[in-house]
Amino acid sequence: MNVYRNLRSKGVKIGKKCHHLPETVEMNIKVDSKGKLHFPVLIIYDEFMVTDFIQDWPEDAKLNVQLRELFNEQAPWD
């Protein structure tokens, strides 16, 4: 209920699940001790039929910082 209240207070709306992941993958939204939300994020590369999954994306993390880590190594198709 804590996560739900935090989402509502920040105006975050969660849509329907649109991609299926294995049940072993942790996909819960969490709230840390400082009240910040942490989201799972799925990045889909349709052109290459590949995905990346980030299990813990803090709500205040900048996109470029997260993506820099993700693209630190060159993808095999590049």
Foldseek 3Di string as FASTA:
>chain_A
DLVVVLCVVVVHDDDDDDDDDDPVQDADWDADPVRWIWGKDKAADVVVRDIDIDRTDTPPDDPVVVVCVVPVDPDPVD
